[in-house]
Structure formats: structure tokens, C-alpha cells
């Protein structure tokens, strides 16, 4: 996840990282990603992925368990998230 890739992560104490995760989980409403993928017949196709900030997503962000967000998007596809 993006929060893992920020350069500050190596310089910010763990206590502050926890505060940042808490603030992000409280303020985030959702994330939308868009990509263009090649079509078999030529051209490009727009694909989107939507992750709504459900209580489960917010908890994963607070706990720093970003690697589990993909699973939550798949589980949430019936309601608020769309892979």
C-alpha cells in the first residue's frame, strides 16, 4: 500500500506511524484506482477498482495490515468495494 512506500516511514518513529495510520483510517472515505489494459482486438480498456472505507478496511489500516486489503476488497465486492 502507498502508506508503506512513503520515504518518511524509515525516519518516523513507530509511535508517530501509529498516529498517522489512525488519522488516515479516520479520515479516509475510499480509494479509486484506474488502469488502461490492452484489449485482445487492439485498443485499450479502462478498468477500475474501488475500495470503500468500511469498518473492516479502517481497522486494517489502523493495524497496518495493508497486505490484507486485497482480500477485503474481494470480500466487500458484494457491498461497498468493487474489484
PDB file of N, CA and C in Angstrom:
ATOM      1  N   UNK A   1       0.839  -1.182   0.000  1.00  0.00           N
ATOM      2  CA  UNK A   1       0.000   0.000   0.000  1.00  0.00           C
ATOM      3  C   UNK A   1       0.879   1.238   0.000  1.00  0.00           C
ATOM      4  N   UNK A   2       0.301   2.319  -0.435  1.00  0.00           N
ATOM      5  CA  UNK A   2       1.025   3.568  -0.545  1.00  0.00           C
ATOM      6  C   UNK A   2       1.662   4.002   0.765  1.00  0.00           C
ATOM      7  N   UNK A   3       0.963   3.820   1.866  1.00  0.00           N
ATOM      8  CA  UNK A   3       1.497   4.244   3.164  1.00  0.00           C
ATOM      9  C   UNK A   3       2.798   3.524   3.504  1.00  0.00           C
ATOM     10  N   UNK A   4       2.980   2.312   3.001  1.00  0.00           N
ATOM     11  CA  UNK A   4       4.222   1.573   3.230  1.00  0.00           C
ATOM     12  C   UNK A   4       5.370   2.106   2.384  1.00  0.00           C
ATOM     13  N   UNK A   5       5.056   2.821   1.329  1.00  0.00           N
ATOM     14  CA  UNK A   5       6.087   3.255   0.383  1.00  0.00           C
ATOM     15  C   UNK A   5       6.606   4.668   0.629  1.00  0.00           C
ATOM     16  N   UNK A   6       5.967   5.410   1.498  1.00  0.00           N
ATOM     17  CA  UNK A   6       6.413   6.775   1.753  1.00  0.00           C
ATOM     18  C   UNK A   6       7.825   6.773   2.331  1.00  0.00           C
ATOM     19  N   UNK A   7       8.684   7.664   1.864  1.00  0.00           N
ATOM     20  CA  UNK A   7      10.056   7.722   2.389  1.00  0.00           C
ATOM     21  C   UNK A   7      10.114   8.050   3.875  1.00  0.00           C
ATOM     22  N   UNK A   8       9.123   8.777   4.399  1.00  0.00           N
ATOM     23  CA  UNK A   8       9.152   9.162   5.819  1.00  0.00           C
ATOM     24  C   UNK A   8       9.161   7.947   6.726  1.00  0.00           C
ATOM     25  N   UNK A   9       8.672   6.822   6.222  1.00  0.00           N
ATOM     26  CA  UNK A   9       8.473   5.649   7.074  1.00  0.00           C
ATOM     27  C   UNK A   9       9.757   5.228   7.783  1.00  0.00           C
ATOM     28  N   UNK A  10      10.887   5.373   7.122  1.00  0.00           N
ATOM     29  CA  UNK A  10      12.160   4.994   7.727  1.00  0.00           C
ATOM     30  C   UNK A  10      12.623   6.000   8.774  1.00  0.00           C
ATOM     31  N   UNK A  11      12.124   7.222   8.687  1.00  0.00           N
ATOM     32  CA  UNK A  11      12.590   8.284   9.586  1.00  0.00           C
ATOM     33  C   UNK A  11      11.617   8.602  10.702  1.00  0.00           C
ATOM     34  N   UNK A  12      10.387   8.145  10.594  1.00  0.00           N
ATOM     35  CA  UNK A  12       9.372   8.476  11.587  1.00  0.00           C
ATOM     36  C   UNK A  12       9.305   7.350  12.622  1.00  0.00           C
ATOM     37  N   UNK A  13       9.349   7.704  13.905  1.00  0.00           N
ATOM     38  CA  UNK A  13       9.257   6.677  14.953  1.00  0.00           C
ATOM     39  C   UNK A  13       7.944   5.901  14.857  1.00  0.00           C
ATOM     40  N   UNK A  14       7.957   4.675  15.326  1.00  0.00           N
ATOM     41  CA  UNK A  14       6.778   3.805  15.263  1.00  0.00           C
ATOM     42  C   UNK A  14       5.568   4.463  15.925  1.00  0.00           C
ATOM     43  N   UNK A  15       5.772   5.177  17.017  1.00  0.00           N
ATOM     44  CA  UNK A  15       4.669   5.852  17.713  1.00  0.00           C
ATOM     45  C   UNK A  15       3.958   6.825  16.782  1.00  0.00           C
ATOM     46  N   UNK A  16       4.734   7.568  15.996  1.00  0.00           N
ATOM     47  CA  UNK A  16       4.151   8.522  15.051  1.00  0.00           C
ATOM     48  C   UNK A  16       3.485   7.796  13.889  1.00  0.00           C
ATOM     49  N   UNK A  17       4.068   6.667  13.453  1.00  0.00           N
ATOM     50  CA  UNK A  17       3.461   5.896  12.375  1.00  0.00           C
ATOM     51  C   UNK A  17       2.074   5.417  12.794  1.00  0.00           C
ATOM     52  N   UNK A  18       1.944   5.014  14.044  1.00  0.00           N
ATOM     53  CA  UNK A  18       0.639   4.583  14.548  1.00  0.00           C
ATOM     54  C   UNK A  18      -0.350   5.737  14.508  1.00  0.00           C
ATOM     55  N   UNK A  19       0.094   6.920  14.860  1.00  0.00           N
ATOM     56  CA  UNK A  19      -0.779   8.097  14.838  1.00  0.00           C
ATOM     57  C   UNK A  19      -1.209   8.406  13.406  1.00  0.00           C
ATOM     58  N   UNK A  20      -0.291   8.294  12.460  1.00  0.00           N
ATOM     59  CA  UNK A  20      -0.601   8.547  11.048  1.00  0.00           C
ATOM     60  C   UNK A  20      -1.625   7.540  10.546  1.00  0.00           C
ATOM     61  N   UNK A  21      -1.434   6.261  10.888  1.00  0.00           N
ATOM     62  CA  UNK A  21      -2.397   5.232  10.470  1.00  0.00           C
ATOM     63  C   UNK A  21      -3.776   5.505  11.065  1.00  0.00           C
ATOM     64  N   UNK A  22      -3.817   5.923  12.317  1.00  0.00           N
ATOM     65  CA  UNK A  22      -5.089   6.230  12.975  1.00  0.00           C
ATOM     66  C   UNK A  22      -5.788   7.392  12.275  1.00  0.00           C
ATOM     67  N   UNK A  23      -5.036   8.456  11.976  1.00  0.00           N
ATOM     68  CA  UNK A  23      -5.622   9.614  11.306  1.00  0.00           C
ATOM     69  C   UNK A  23      -6.100   9.253   9.902  1.00  0.00           C
ATOM     70  N   UNK A  24      -5.315   8.446   9.179  1.00  0.00           N
ATOM     71  CA  UNK A  24      -5.705   8.036   7.829  1.00  0.00           C
ATOM     72  C   UNK A  24      -6.979   7.200   7.886  1.00  0.00           C
ATOM     73  N   UNK A  25      -7.046   6.254   8.800  1.00  0.00           N
ATOM     74  CA  UNK A  25      -8.231   5.391   8.880  1.00  0.00           C
ATOM     75  C   UNK A  25      -9.477   6.190   9.257  1.00  0.00           C
ATOM     76  N   UNK A  26      -9.310   7.235  10.030  1.00  0.00           N
ATOM     77  CA  UNK A  26     -10.461   8.045  10.448  1.00  0.00           C
ATOM     78  C   UNK A  26     -10.928   8.992   9.345  1.00  0.00           C
ATOM     79  N   UNK A  27     -10.025   9.449   8.498  1.00  0.00           N
ATOM     80  CA  UNK A  27     -10.393  10.460   7.512  1.00  0.00           C
ATOM     81  C   UNK A  27     -10.662   9.902   6.117  1.00  0.00           C
ATOM     82  N   UNK A  28     -10.218   8.697   5.836  1.00  0.00           N
ATOM     83  CA  UNK A  28     -10.362   8.112   4.501  1.00  0.00           C
ATOM     84  C   UNK A  28     -11.812   7.737   4.222  1.00  0.00           C
ATOM     85  N   UNK A  29     -12.294   8.125   3.046  1.00  0.00           N
ATOM     86  CA  UNK A  29     -13.641   7.725   2.619  1.00  0.00           C
ATOM     87  C   UNK A  29     -13.589   6.574   1.627  1.00  0.00           C
ATOM     88  N   UNK A  30     -12.548   6.534   0.826  1.00  0.00           N
ATOM     89  CA  UNK A  30     -12.409   5.474  -0.158  1.00  0.00           C
ATOM     90  C   UNK A  30     -11.228   5.747  -1.062  1.00  0.00           C
ATOM     91  N   UNK A  31     -10.923   4.754  -1.895  1.00  0.00           N
ATOM     92  CA  UNK A  31      -9.836   4.861  -2.856  1.00  0.00           C
ATOM     93  C   UNK A  31     -10.340   4.311  -4.183  1.00  0.00           C
ATOM     94  N   UNK A  32     -10.058   5.028  -5.261  1.00  0.00           N
ATOM     95  CA  UNK A  32     -10.412   4.575  -6.607  1.00  0.00           C
ATOM     96  C   UNK A  32      -9.138   4.514  -7.422  1.00  0.00           C
ATOM     97  N   UNK A  33      -8.902   3.378  -8.067  1.00  0.00           N
ATOM     98  CA  UNK A  33      -7.767   3.261  -8.979  1.00  0.00           C
ATOM     99  C   UNK A  33      -8.300   2.991 -10.372  1.00  0.00           C
ATOM    100  N   UNK A  34      -7.588   3.498 -11.368  1.00  0.00           N
ATOM    101  CA  UNK A  34      -7.948   3.285 -12.765  1.00  0.00           C
ATOM    102  C   UNK A  34      -6.702   2.863 -13.522  1.00  0.00           C
ATOM    103  N   UNK A  35      -6.895   1.933 -14.436  1.00  0.00           N
ATOM    104  CA  UNK A  35      -5.800   1.481 -15.299  1.00  0.00           C
ATOM    105  C   UNK A  35      -6.348   1.249 -16.699  1.00  0.00           C
ATOM    106  N   UNK A  36      -5.471   1.372 -17.668  1.00  0.00           N
ATOM    107  CA  UNK A  36      -5.822   1.025 -19.038  1.00  0.00           C
ATOM    108  C   UNK A  36      -5.119  -0.273 -19.389  1.00  0.00           C
ATOM    109  N   UNK A  37      -5.908  -1.271 -19.766  1.00  0.00           N
ATOM    110  CA  UNK A  37      -5.357  -2.570 -20.130  1.00  0.00           C
ATOM    111  C   UNK A  37      -5.578  -2.804 -21.615  1.00  0.00           C
ATOM    112  N   UNK A  38      -4.634  -3.490 -22.267  1.00  0.00           N
ATOM    113  CA  UNK A  38      -4.801  -3.757 -23.703  1.00  0.00           C
ATOM    114  C   UNK A  38      -5.938  -4.758 -23.949  1.00  0.00           C
ATOM    115  N   UNK A  39      -6.704  -4.489 -24.994  1.00  0.00           N
ATOM    116  CA  UNK A  39      -7.764  -5.410 -25.410  1.00  0.00           C
ATOM    117  C   UNK A  39      -7.169  -6.456 -26.357  1.00  0.00           C
ATOM    118  N   UNK A  40      -7.811  -7.595 -26.444  1.00  0.00           N
ATOM    119  CA  UNK A  40      -7.355  -8.649 -27.346  1.00  0.00           C
ATOM    120  C   UNK A  40      -7.427  -8.186 -28.797  1.00  0.00           C
ATOM    121  N   UNK A  41      -8.466  -7.453 -29.138  1.00  0.00           N
ATOM    122  CA  UNK A  41      -8.668  -6.985 -30.514  1.00  0.00           C
ATOM    123  C   UNK A  41      -7.947  -5.673 -30.799  1.00  0.00           C
ATOM    124  N   UNK A  42      -7.141  -5.214 -29.885  1.00  0.00           N
ATOM    125  CA  UNK A  42      -6.462  -3.935 -30.044  1.00  0.00           C
ATOM    126  C   UNK A  42      -7.171  -2.840 -29.270  1.00  0.00           C
ATOM    127  N   UNK A  43      -6.478  -1.796 -29.010  1.00  0.00           N
ATOM    128  CA  UNK A  43      -7.041  -0.701 -28.245  1.00  0.00           C
ATOM    129  C   UNK A  43      -6.855  -0.934 -26.750  1.00  0.00           C
ATOM    130  N   UNK A  44      -7.466  -0.074 -25.982  1.00  0.00           N
ATOM    131  CA  UNK A  44      -7.330  -0.137 -24.532  1.00  0.00           C
ATOM    132  C   UNK A  44      -8.693  -0.193 -23.864  1.00  0.00           C
ATOM    133  N   UNK A  45      -8.744  -0.799 -22.695  1.00  0.00           N
ATOM    134  CA  UNK A  45      -9.968  -0.896 -21.899  1.00  0.00           C
ATOM    135  C   UNK A  45      -9.696  -0.309 -20.521  1.00  0.00           C
ATOM    136  N   UNK A  46     -10.564   0.585 -20.089  1.00  0.00           N
ATOM    137  CA  UNK A  46     -10.463   1.159 -18.758  1.00  0.00           C
ATOM    138  C   UNK A  46     -10.969   0.152 -17.732  1.00  0.00           C
ATOM    139  N   UNK A  47     -10.186  -0.083 -16.695  1.00  0.00           N
ATOM    140  CA  UNK A  47     -10.620  -0.916 -15.571  1.00  0.00           C
ATOM    141  C   UNK A  47     -10.474  -0.101 -14.294  1.00  0.00           C
ATOM    142  N   UNK A  48     -11.429  -0.258 -13.406  1.00  0.00           N
ATOM    143  CA  UNK A  48     -11.441   0.498 -12.154  1.00  0.00           C
ATOM    144  C   UNK A  48     -11.526  -0.461 -10.978  1.00  0.00           C
ATOM    145  N   UNK A  49     -10.980  -0.019  -9.859  1.00  0.00           N
ATOM    146  CA  UNK A  49     -11.088  -0.755  -8.609  1.00  0.00           C
ATOM    147  C   UNK A  49     -11.464   0.264  -7.541  1.00  0.00           C
ATOM    148  N   UNK A  50     -12.497  -0.048  -6.781  1.00  0.00           N
ATOM    149  CA  UNK A  50     -12.988   0.873  -5.761  1.00  0.00           C
ATOM    150  C   UNK A  50     -12.907   0.198  -4.404  1.00  0.00           C
ATOM    151  N   UNK A  51     -12.308   0.891  -3.456  1.00  0.00           N
ATOM    152  CA  UNK A  51     -12.265   0.386  -2.082  1.00  0.00           C
ATOM    153  C   UNK A  51     -12.925   1.437  -1.184  1.00  0.00           C
ATOM    154  N   UNK A  52     -14.066   1.098  -0.647  1.00  0.00           N
ATOM    155  CA  UNK A  52     -14.751   1.986   0.288  1.00  0.00           C
ATOM    156  C   UNK A  52     -14.159   1.784   1.679  1.00  0.00           C
ATOM    157  N   UNK A  53     -14.163   2.825   2.459  1.00  0.00           N
ATOM    158  CA  UNK A  53     -13.605   2.757   3.821  1.00  0.00           C
ATOM    159  C   UNK A  53     -14.637   2.152   4.761  1.00  0.00           C
ATOM    160  N   UNK A  54     -14.817   0.855   4.653  1.00  0.00           N
ATOM    161  CA  UNK A  54     -15.724   0.132   5.545  1.00  0.00           C
ATOM    162  C   UNK A  54     -15.062   0.009   6.922  1.00  0.00           C
ATOM    163  N   UNK A  55     -15.803  -0.368   7.945  1.00  0.00           N
ATOM    164  CA  UNK A  55     -15.170  -0.569   9.259  1.00  0.00           C
ATOM    165  C   UNK A  55     -14.015  -1.565   9.209  1.00  0.00           C
ATOM    166  N   UNK A  56     -14.147  -2.608   8.391  1.00  0.00           N
ATOM    167  CA  UNK A  56     -13.070  -3.603   8.288  1.00  0.00           C
ATOM    168  C   UNK A  56     -11.827  -3.001   7.628  1.00  0.00           C
ATOM    169  N   UNK A  57     -12.020  -2.202   6.583  1.00  0.00           N
ATOM    170  CA  UNK A  57     -10.894  -1.548   5.905  1.00  0.00           C
ATOM    171  C   UNK A  57     -10.213  -0.575   6.862  1.00  0.00           C
ATOM    172  N   UNK A  58     -10.989   0.195   7.576  1.00  0.00           N
ATOM    173  CA  UNK A  58     -10.414   1.145   8.537  1.00  0.00           C
ATOM    174  C   UNK A  58      -9.592   0.421   9.609  1.00  0.00           C
ATOM    175  N   UNK A  59     -10.092  -0.719  10.084  1.00  0.00           N
ATOM    176  CA  UNK A  59      -9.358  -1.490  11.099  1.00  0.00           C
ATOM    177  C   UNK A  59      -8.032  -2.013  10.540  1.00  0.00           C
ATOM    178  N   UNK A  60      -8.043  -2.498   9.300  1.00  0.00           N
ATOM    179  CA  UNK A  60      -6.802  -2.984   8.690  1.00  0.00           C
ATOM    180  C   UNK A  60      -5.775  -1.864   8.555  1.00  0.00           C
ATOM    181  N   UNK A  61      -6.221  -0.682   8.197  1.00  0.00           N
ATOM    182  CA  UNK A  61      -5.304   0.460   8.072  1.00  0.00           C
ATOM    183  C   UNK A  61      -4.759   0.836   9.447  1.00  0.00           C
ATOM    184  N   UNK A  62      -5.619   0.903  10.446  1.00  0.00           N
ATOM    185  CA  UNK A  62      -5.163   1.235  11.805  1.00  0.00           C
ATOM    186  C   UNK A  62      -4.114   0.251  12.289  1.00  0.00           C
ATOM    187  N   UNK A  63      -4.303  -1.026  11.967  1.00  0.00           N
ATOM    188  CA  UNK A  63      -3.392  -2.069  12.434  1.00  0.00           C
ATOM    189  C   UNK A  63      -2.168  -2.232  11.533  1.00  0.00           C
ATOM    190  N   UNK A  64      -2.137  -1.496  10.404  1.00  0.00           N
ATOM    191  CA  UNK A  64      -1.003  -1.591   9.488  1.00  0.00           C
ATOM    192  C   UNK A  64      -0.979  -2.888   8.693  1.00  0.00           C
ATOM    193  N   UNK A  65      -2.114  -3.544   8.568  1.00  0.00           N
ATOM    194  CA  UNK A  65      -2.200  -4.820   7.843  1.00  0.00           C
ATOM    195  C   UNK A  65      -2.615  -4.577   6.391  1.00  0.00           C
ATOM    196  N   UNK A  66      -1.809  -3.796   5.680  1.00  0.00           N
ATOM    197  CA  UNK A  66      -2.134  -3.407   4.311  1.00  0.00           C
ATOM    198  C   UNK A  66      -2.197  -4.605   3.375  1.00  0.00           C
ATOM    199  N   UNK A  67      -1.422  -5.639   3.683  1.00  0.00           N
ATOM    200  CA  UNK A  67      -1.401  -6.818   2.825  1.00  0.00           C
ATOM    201  C   UNK A  67      -2.756  -7.536   2.796  1.00  0.00           C
ATOM    202  N   UNK A  68      -3.625  -7.267   3.752  1.00  0.00           N
ATOM    203  CA  UNK A  68      -4.950  -7.891   3.788  1.00  0.00           C
ATOM    204  C   UNK A  68      -6.023  -7.077   3.069  1.00  0.00           C
ATOM    205  N   UNK A  69      -5.674  -5.893   2.570  1.00  0.00           N
ATOM    206  CA  UNK A  69      -6.678  -5.046   1.922  1.00  0.00           C
ATOM    207  C   UNK A  69      -7.213  -5.675   0.638  1.00  0.00           C
ATOM    208  N   UNK A  70      -6.367  -6.366  -0.125  1.00  0.00           N
ATOM    209  CA  UNK A  70      -6.852  -7.026  -1.341  1.00  0.00           C
ATOM    210  C   UNK A  70      -7.951  -8.031  -1.010  1.00  0.00           C
ATOM    211  N   UNK A  71      -7.745  -8.800   0.056  1.00  0.00           N
ATOM    212  CA  UNK A  71      -8.770  -9.761   0.471  1.00  0.00           C
ATOM    213  C   UNK A  71     -10.062  -9.055   0.852  1.00  0.00           C
ATOM    214  N   UNK A  72      -9.941  -7.935   1.530  1.00  0.00           N
ATOM    215  CA  UNK A  72     -11.129  -7.193   1.963  1.00  0.00           C
ATOM    216  C   UNK A  72     -11.878  -6.620   0.761  1.00  0.00           C
ATOM    217  N   UNK A  73     -11.153  -6.202  -0.263  1.00  0.00           N
ATOM    218  CA  UNK A  73     -11.805  -5.709  -1.483  1.00  0.00           C
ATOM    219  C   UNK A  73     -12.601  -6.838  -2.124  1.00  0.00           C
ATOM    220  N   UNK A  74     -12.005  -8.031  -2.179  1.00  0.00           N
ATOM    221  CA  UNK A  74     -12.718  -9.175  -2.753  1.00  0.00           C
ATOM    222  C   UNK A  74     -13.952  -9.530  -1.925  1.00  0.00           C
ATOM    223  N   UNK A  75     -13.810  -9.553  -0.613  1.00  0.00           N
ATOM    224  CA  UNK A  75     -14.950  -9.866   0.260  1.00  0.00           C
ATOM    225  C   UNK A  75     -16.014  -8.779   0.196  1.00  0.00           C
ATOM    226  N   UNK A  76     -15.588  -7.536   0.071  1.00  0.00           N
ATOM    227  CA  UNK A  76     -16.517  -6.412   0.058  1.00  0.00           C
ATOM    228  C   UNK A  76     -17.133  -6.146  -1.289  1.00  0.00           C
ATOM    229  N   UNK A  77     -16.774  -6.933  -2.308  1.00  0.00           N
ATOM    230  CA  UNK A  77     -17.278  -6.665  -3.654  1.00  0.00           C
ATOM    231  C   UNK A  77     -18.799  -6.805  -3.733  1.00  0.00           C
ATOM    232  N   UNK A  78     -19.399  -7.499  -2.797  1.00  0.00           N
ATOM    233  CA  UNK A  78     -20.847  -7.639  -2.784  1.00  0.00           C
ATOM    234  C   UNK A  78     -21.533  -6.380  -2.258  1.00  0.00           C
ATOM    235  N   UNK A  79     -20.780  -5.541  -1.558  1.00  0.00           N
ATOM    236  CA  UNK A  79     -21.408  -4.364  -0.961  1.00  0.00           C
ATOM    237  C   UNK A  79     -20.734  -3.077  -1.414  1.00  0.00           C
ATOM    238  N   UNK A  80     -19.666  -2.678  -0.733  1.00  0.00           N
ATOM    239  CA  UNK A  80     -19.116  -1.340  -0.949  1.00  0.00           C
ATOM    240  C   UNK A  80     -17.880  -1.292  -1.838  1.00  0.00           C
ATOM    241  N   UNK A  81     -17.197  -2.407  -2.048  1.00  0.00           N
ATOM    242  CA  UNK A  81     -15.957  -2.403  -2.830  1.00  0.00           C
ATOM    243  C   UNK A  81     -16.188  -3.116  -4.153  1.00  0.00           C
ATOM    244  N   UNK A  82     -15.508  -2.672  -5.162  1.00  0.00           N
ATOM    245  CA  UNK A  82     -15.637  -3.270  -6.494  1.00  0.00           C
ATOM    246  C   UNK A  82     -14.263  -3.553  -7.072  1.00  0.00           C
ATOM    247  N   UNK A  83     -13.909  -4.854  -7.227  1.00  0.00           N
ATOM    248  CA  UNK A  83     -12.615  -5.170  -7.852  1.00  0.00           C
ATOM    249  C   UNK A  83     -12.695  -4.985  -9.359  1.00  0.00           C
TER     250      UNK A  83
END
